[in-house]
Amino acid sequence: MNKGQQQAVEYDELFTPAYAVKPLLPYIPKNWIIWECTSNDNNIAKVFKEAGYTVIETHKDNGIDFLKDGLDFDFDVIITNPPYSKKNKEKFLQRCYDYNKPFALLLPTTATNGVERNKLYAKYSIEILVFNRRVCFTGKDKHWKHSNWYCWKLLPPSNSFLVFHDLNKKEVV
């Protein structure tokens, strides 16, 4: 494991503050079952449960690895803050699209960029609930990050949109 991978794994247990979860509440119907697929006693599940939602919590440590395992339950939406070491892994995003159900992933703003992610966004689309301030994640110490909810089939239509375009750096001006 290289130094960058080691640092990413070190920040896997930074927890989402409740104030970063609450903006999603208006977009999730009360009768939906939420799957928090990387839960380890966190605020995402807690906020939704306190608001009266049904939440299924799984974590690789309690037997269900989101990236590998099949499911024996039904759900309506995936809502999670993926482990930091997985956030920029297209495999995690692709797995969400593969379920063909709405999702909301709390990701760093830099998740908007990237060749492979952009291919996925262009193929399936993406909706982004943008925060006007950075989120302070809790865990090992205070860790501030520019983050947004990256969603699919969840947010209402808006007059704002993103267009993803491939840059050809070999092109001569």
Protein backbone atom coordinates (compact mmCIF):
# COMPACT_ATOMS: atom_id res chain seq x y z
CA MET A 1 0.00 0.00 0.00
CA ASN A 2 1.49 3.36 -1.01
CA LYS A 3 1.45 6.47 1.21
CA GLY A 4 -1.61 7.98 -0.53
CA GLN A 5 -3.63 4.78 -0.13
CA GLN A 6 -2.55 4.52 3.50
CA GLN A 7 -3.73 8.09 4.22
CA ALA A 8 -7.05 7.43 2.48
CA VAL A 9 -7.70 4.31 4.59
CA GLU A 10 -6.73 6.28 7.71
CA TYR A 11 -9.65 8.64 7.03
CA ASP A 12 -12.23 5.89 6.41
CA GLU A 13 -13.71 6.41 9.88
CA LEU A 14 -14.56 10.11 9.65
CA PHE A 15 -18.21 10.57 10.46
CA THR A 16 -20.86 12.72 8.82
CA PRO A 17 -22.35 15.44 11.03
CA ALA A 18 -26.14 15.53 11.27
CA TYR A 19 -26.29 19.01 9.69
CA ALA A 20 -24.87 17.55 6.46
CA VAL A 21 -27.56 14.83 6.35
CA LYS A 22 -30.64 16.96 7.07
CA PRO A 23 -30.66 18.73 3.66
CA LEU A 24 -31.62 15.38 2.07
CA LEU A 25 -34.77 14.91 4.16
CA PRO A 26 -37.13 16.83 1.83
CA TYR A 27 -36.14 14.67 -1.14
CA ILE A 28 -36.73 11.24 0.38
CA PRO A 29 -40.34 10.00 0.56
CA LYS A 30 -41.25 8.83 4.08
CA ASN A 31 -42.35 5.40 2.86
CA TRP A 32 -38.99 4.60 1.25
CA ILE A 33 -36.59 2.10 2.79
CA ILE A 34 -33.11 3.58 3.04
CA TRP A 35 -30.04 1.40 2.71
CA GLU A 36 -27.04 2.88 4.49
CA CYS A 37 -24.49 0.49 2.98
CA THR A 38 -21.34 1.57 4.85
CA SER A 39 -22.86 2.20 8.25
CA ASN A 40 -20.86 1.82 11.38
CA ASP A 41 -23.01 3.58 14.00
CA ASN A 42 -23.21 6.89 12.14
CA ASN A 43 -25.33 10.00 11.88
CA ILE A 44 -26.80 9.26 8.45
CA ALA A 45 -28.86 6.35 9.78
CA LYS A 46 -29.55 8.18 13.05
CA VAL A 47 -30.93 11.33 11.36
CA PHE A 48 -33.24 9.35 9.10
CA LYS A 49 -34.43 7.04 11.90
CA GLU A 50 -35.18 10.02 14.14
CA ALA A 51 -37.20 11.53 11.27
CA GLY A 52 -39.31 8.34 11.09
CA TYR A 53 -37.69 6.53 8.16
CA THR A 54 -36.92 2.82 7.89
CA VAL A 55 -33.16 2.36 7.55
CA ILE A 56 -31.23 -0.83 6.84
CA GLU A 57 -27.64 -0.48 8.00
CA THR A 58 -24.87 -2.71 6.71
CA HIS A 59 -21.10 -2.60 6.97
CA LYS A 60 -18.36 -4.92 5.76
CA ASP A 61 -17.47 -5.55 9.43
CA ASN A 62 -20.96 -6.97 10.08
CA GLY A 63 -21.04 -9.23 7.05
CA ILE A 64 -22.13 -7.26 3.97
CA ASP A 65 -19.48 -5.76 1.72
CA PHE A 66 -21.22 -3.27 -0.57
CA LEU A 67 -18.79 -3.86 -3.42
CA LYS A 68 -18.88 -7.67 -3.31
CA ASP A 69 -21.94 -9.15 -1.67
CA GLY A 70 -25.46 -9.81 -2.89
CA LEU A 71 -28.50 -8.78 -0.88
CA ASP A 72 -31.35 -10.61 0.80
CA PHE A 73 -33.46 -7.50 1.43
CA ASP A 74 -35.23 -4.83 -0.59
CA PHE A 75 -34.62 -1.08 -0.43
CA ASP A 76 -35.67 2.08 -2.27
CA VAL A 77 -32.61 4.33 -2.01
CA ILE A 78 -28.92 4.13 -1.11
CA ILE A 79 -27.70 6.95 1.12
CA THR A 80 -24.15 6.87 2.41
CA ASN A 81 -20.86 8.62 2.94
CA PRO A 82 -18.55 6.05 1.33
CA PRO A 83 -15.28 5.23 3.05
CA TYR A 84 -12.73 7.86 2.07
CA SER A 85 -10.50 5.27 0.44
CA LYS A 86 -13.42 4.28 -1.85
CA LYS A 87 -14.87 7.72 -2.65
CA ASN A 88 -12.97 8.23 -5.84
CA LYS A 89 -13.21 4.63 -6.90
CA GLU A 90 -15.46 4.31 -9.90
CA LYS A 91 -16.31 0.80 -8.74
CA PHE A 92 -18.32 2.21 -5.82
CA LEU A 93 -20.23 4.62 -8.06
CA GLN A 94 -20.80 1.96 -10.74
CA ARG A 95 -22.22 -0.40 -8.09
CA CYS A 96 -24.76 2.27 -7.13
CA TYR A 97 -25.83 2.72 -10.75
CA ASP A 98 -26.04 -1.07 -11.19
CA TYR A 99 -28.76 -1.30 -8.54
CA ASN A 100 -30.88 1.02 -10.71
CA LYS A 101 -32.31 2.70 -7.61
CA PRO A 102 -31.97 6.31 -6.49
CA PHE A 103 -28.85 7.12 -4.49
CA ALA A 104 -27.14 9.94 -2.60
CA LEU A 105 -23.41 9.73 -1.92
CA LEU A 106 -21.66 12.35 0.17
CA LEU A 107 -18.47 12.93 -1.80
CA PRO A 108 -15.73 15.55 -1.95
CA THR A 109 -16.33 18.26 -4.53
CA THR A 110 -13.39 16.87 -6.49
CA ALA A 111 -15.55 13.81 -7.28
CA THR A 112 -17.03 15.93 -10.09
CA ASN A 113 -13.75 15.49 -11.95
CA GLY A 114 -12.06 12.40 -13.30
CA VAL A 115 -12.06 10.63 -16.64
CA GLU A 116 -13.77 7.42 -15.49
CA ARG A 117 -16.29 9.16 -13.21
CA ASN A 118 -17.18 11.57 -16.02
CA LYS A 119 -17.87 8.61 -18.30
CA LEU A 120 -20.30 7.27 -15.70
CA TYR A 121 -21.95 10.68 -15.19
CA ALA A 122 -22.32 11.17 -18.93
CA LYS A 123 -23.78 7.68 -19.38
CA TYR A 124 -26.23 7.69 -16.46
CA SER A 125 -26.42 11.37 -15.37
CA ILE A 126 -25.77 12.83 -11.93
CA GLU A 127 -27.52 15.37 -9.71
CA ILE A 128 -25.55 17.37 -7.18
CA LEU A 129 -26.90 18.96 -4.02
CA VAL A 130 -24.27 21.65 -3.47
CA PHE A 131 -23.42 23.02 -0.02
CA ASN A 132 -22.43 26.66 0.45
CA ARG A 133 -19.94 25.73 3.20
CA ARG A 134 -17.45 22.98 3.94
CA VAL A 135 -18.47 20.04 6.11
CA CYS A 136 -16.54 19.29 9.30
CA PHE A 137 -16.28 15.52 9.55
CA THR A 138 -15.71 14.04 12.99
CA GLY A 139 -13.55 11.14 13.94
CA LYS A 140 -9.81 11.17 14.52
CA ASP A 141 -9.79 14.97 14.67
CA LYS A 142 -11.62 17.77 12.91
CA HIS A 143 -11.36 17.33 9.18
CA TRP A 144 -12.97 19.98 6.95
CA LYS A 145 -13.89 19.08 3.37
CA HIS A 146 -15.72 20.70 0.48
CA SER A 147 -18.40 18.06 -0.04
CA ASN A 148 -21.73 17.65 -1.83
CA TRP A 149 -24.44 15.04 -2.16
CA TYR A 150 -23.99 13.29 -5.51
CA CYS A 151 -27.43 11.92 -6.35
CA TRP A 152 -29.22 9.96 -9.02
CA LYS A 153 -32.98 9.89 -9.65
CA LEU A 154 -33.54 11.81 -6.44
CA LEU A 155 -33.48 15.60 -6.80
CA PRO A 156 -36.19 17.60 -8.57
CA PRO A 157 -35.49 19.12 -11.99
CA SER A 158 -33.71 22.44 -11.77
CA ASN A 159 -32.75 25.28 -14.05
CA SER A 160 -29.11 24.48 -13.25
CA PHE A 161 -27.30 21.62 -14.89
CA LEU A 162 -23.86 20.25 -15.68
CA VAL A 163 -22.59 19.10 -19.04
CA PHE A 164 -19.65 16.68 -19.05
CA HIS A 165 -17.21 17.03 -21.92
CA ASP A 166 -14.01 15.17 -22.83
CA LEU A 167 -10.97 17.40 -23.30
CA ASN A 168 -8.58 16.38 -26.02
CA LYS A 169 -5.22 17.53 -24.68
CA LYS A 170 -3.48 16.32 -27.83
CA GLU A 171 -5.43 18.78 -29.94
CA VAL A 172 -3.24 21.58 -31.32
CA VAL A 173 -4.57 25.12 -31.28
